Amino acid sequence: MAEYYVYIMSNWSRTLYVGVTGDLMARVNQHKTKTAQWVHCQVQHNRPDLL
């Protein structure tokens, strides 16, 4: 059975990236080198403690 990982990553501007991948190390590398393909979704919240 294939293994998949759920990840939550952030950048310096505090943007959160959430996803699922079968190759976690490759995905982390893509995130660090800014070569990842992303599907964007904007979520708004009213929780100042999350900022």
C-alpha atoms as a PDB file:
ATOM      1  CA  MET A   1       0.000   0.000   0.000  1.00  0.00           C
ATOM      2  CA  ALA A   2       1.289   3.478  -0.872  1.00  0.00           C
ATOM      3  CA  GLU A   3       2.184   5.904   1.912  1.00  0.00           C
ATOM      4  CA  TYR A   4       1.030   9.509   1.860  1.00  0.00           C
ATOM      5  CA  TYR A   5       1.850  12.392   4.181  1.00  0.00           C
ATOM      6  CA  VAL A   6      -0.210  15.396   5.205  1.00  0.00           C
ATOM      7  CA  TYR A   7       1.995  18.458   5.596  1.00  0.00           C
ATOM      8  CA  ILE A   8       1.606  21.994   6.900  1.00  0.00           C
ATOM      9  CA  MET A   9       4.367  24.436   5.937  1.00  0.00           C
ATOM     10  CA  SER A  10       4.804  28.170   6.285  1.00  0.00           C
ATOM     11  CA  ASN A  11       6.979  30.870   4.772  1.00  0.00           C
ATOM     12  CA  TRP A  12       8.412  34.098   6.186  1.00  0.00           C
ATOM     13  CA  SER A  13       5.210  36.002   5.409  1.00  0.00           C
ATOM     14  CA  ARG A  14       3.272  33.444   7.494  1.00  0.00           C
ATOM     15  CA  THR A  15       1.399  31.981   4.544  1.00  0.00           C
ATOM     16  CA  LEU A  16       0.359  28.419   5.348  1.00  0.00           C
ATOM     17  CA  TYR A  17       0.614  25.651   2.790  1.00  0.00           C
ATOM     18  CA  VAL A  18      -1.330  22.459   3.508  1.00  0.00           C
ATOM     19  CA  GLY A  19      -1.261  19.396   1.316  1.00  0.00           C
ATOM     20  CA  VAL A  20      -0.814  15.688   0.782  1.00  0.00           C
ATOM     21  CA  THR A  21       2.203  14.095  -0.868  1.00  0.00           C
ATOM     22  CA  GLY A  22       3.703  10.681  -1.424  1.00  0.00           C
ATOM     23  CA  ASP A  23       7.277  12.037  -1.275  1.00  0.00           C
ATOM     24  CA  LEU A  24       7.654  14.325   1.717  1.00  0.00           C
ATOM     25  CA  MET A  25      11.370  15.048   1.279  1.00  0.00           C
ATOM     26  CA  ALA A  26      10.864  16.086  -2.353  1.00  0.00           C
ATOM     27  CA  ARG A  27       7.954  18.327  -1.356  1.00  0.00           C
ATOM     28  CA  VAL A  28      10.005  20.025   1.377  1.00  0.00           C
ATOM     29  CA  ASN A  29      12.790  20.591  -1.154  1.00  0.00           C
ATOM     30  CA  GLN A  30      10.316  22.066  -3.656  1.00  0.00           C
ATOM     31  CA  HIS A  31       9.006  24.389  -0.959  1.00  0.00           C
ATOM     32  CA  LYS A  32      12.494  25.548   0.017  1.00  0.00           C
ATOM     33  CA  THR A  33      13.596  26.121  -3.577  1.00  0.00           C
ATOM     34  CA  LYS A  34      10.257  27.671  -4.569  1.00  0.00           C
ATOM     35  CA  THR A  35       9.775  25.188  -7.439  1.00  0.00           C
ATOM     36  CA  ALA A  36       6.527  23.669  -6.163  1.00  0.00           C
ATOM     37  CA  GLN A  37       3.270  23.858  -8.063  1.00  0.00           C
ATOM     38  CA  TRP A  38       0.565  25.103  -5.705  1.00  0.00           C
ATOM     39  CA  VAL A  39      -3.205  25.206  -5.772  1.00  0.00           C
ATOM     40  CA  HIS A  40      -4.142  28.440  -4.038  1.00  0.00           C
ATOM     41  CA  CYS A  41      -6.998  28.897  -1.637  1.00  0.00           C
ATOM     42  CA  GLN A  42      -7.548  31.961   0.512  1.00  0.00           C
ATOM     43  CA  VAL A  43      -9.118  31.579   3.936  1.00  0.00           C
ATOM     44  CA  GLN A  44     -10.120  34.526   6.083  1.00  0.00           C
ATOM     45  CA  HIS A  45     -10.496  34.385   9.834  1.00  0.00           C
ATOM     46  CA  ASN A  46     -11.346  36.694  12.709  1.00  0.00           C
ATOM     47  CA  ARG A  47      -8.837  35.327  15.215  1.00  0.00           C
ATOM     48  CA  PRO A  48      -6.176  37.928  16.067  1.00  0.00           C
ATOM     49  CA  ASP A  49      -4.370  35.325  18.191  1.00  0.00           C
ATOM     50  CA  LEU A  50      -3.532  33.452  14.962  1.00  0.00           C
ATOM     51  CA  LEU A  51      -1.675  36.426  13.477  1.00  0.00           C
END
